[in-house]
């Protein structure tokens, strides 16, 4: 008998405490008293745990035992949190999830150390998964390969910002590396645990690449028009990022390029609240916000038609539930923008 639709992620949530326990234990056992406490402090801020939920749900949809999925979910979530610690330092963010960031509280050097520990922790979590050595080796290789892709994407984002490269295809290319990798990884590893060969696992994972792009675009909108638990809205503007809104606005209003480039290239501390408010106003009144919201809705709906998910309907249900969770923080923004 199949599972009722709409319950994959909800069922997976029951196992998040076990995932969190394993994450804390790995950090505590291998980080020592001081560094373990610092990295554990970051993990304690919580978050949506979407990558862990995706690993758990994607594995359950393919018949994988929960004992194996807990370790895999922990590995994916640890990798994600490693990127966040380093991102906060690079971007100069003082708050994440409503709490001081690691670098803001403990300094840059310890933030680098904590991020480095978190980047290695996924391999330690994989080592505890009760599967054959060959499967552990395959999972470790996935973590390393996807991790390298994510880091490369982060570097390319900085290059894109420095050059003020606002081509839509370039934006999607960078996001597909930086963000999508953390949505493909949980699915690919779950498929390996289900006994699928490497090519089949990669094909299923690729179906979730578009979800990573949808997530990043909604995150761009949330940053300027919603609440991300940071010290102030518009962090992307202050950091000089080429967001989906920047891409869309300059596509609609190329005459604003010099004005917007000047703001994005200011030092973070020199970007005023008035700068952010003016950018927000122009994005809203000039049509960029509405266009980006329409794109989010359209791209999210297209996920259901991906061929690999049509052939694996239970994973398609997982993807549909994940889209609902992704879009929940911006539902009111989508409604105000008239996105259908």
Foldseek 3Di string as FASTA:
>chain_A
DDDDFPCLLVVLVVCVVVLLVLLLVLLPVPVDDPLSVLLNVLVVLPDPLLLLSLLRSLLVLLPFDVLQSSLLSSLLVLLVSLVVLVVCVLLVFQWASQHGHSCNVPNDVSSNVSSVSSLPSSLVSLVPRPDDPVLSVVLVVLSVVLSVQQVVLVVVQVVCLVVVPLAPVSVLVSQLRNFLSSQLSSQLSSVVSSVDDNVLSNLLSVLSSLVRVLLQQVVLVCQQPHDRSTPDGDSCLLSSTNHQLNSQLCVQPVVCVVVSSVSSPDHSVPRDPVNSVVSSVCSLVSCSLLVSLQVSVVSLVCSLVPPSCVVSVSSSSVSNSSSCVSCVRCPVVSVVSVHD
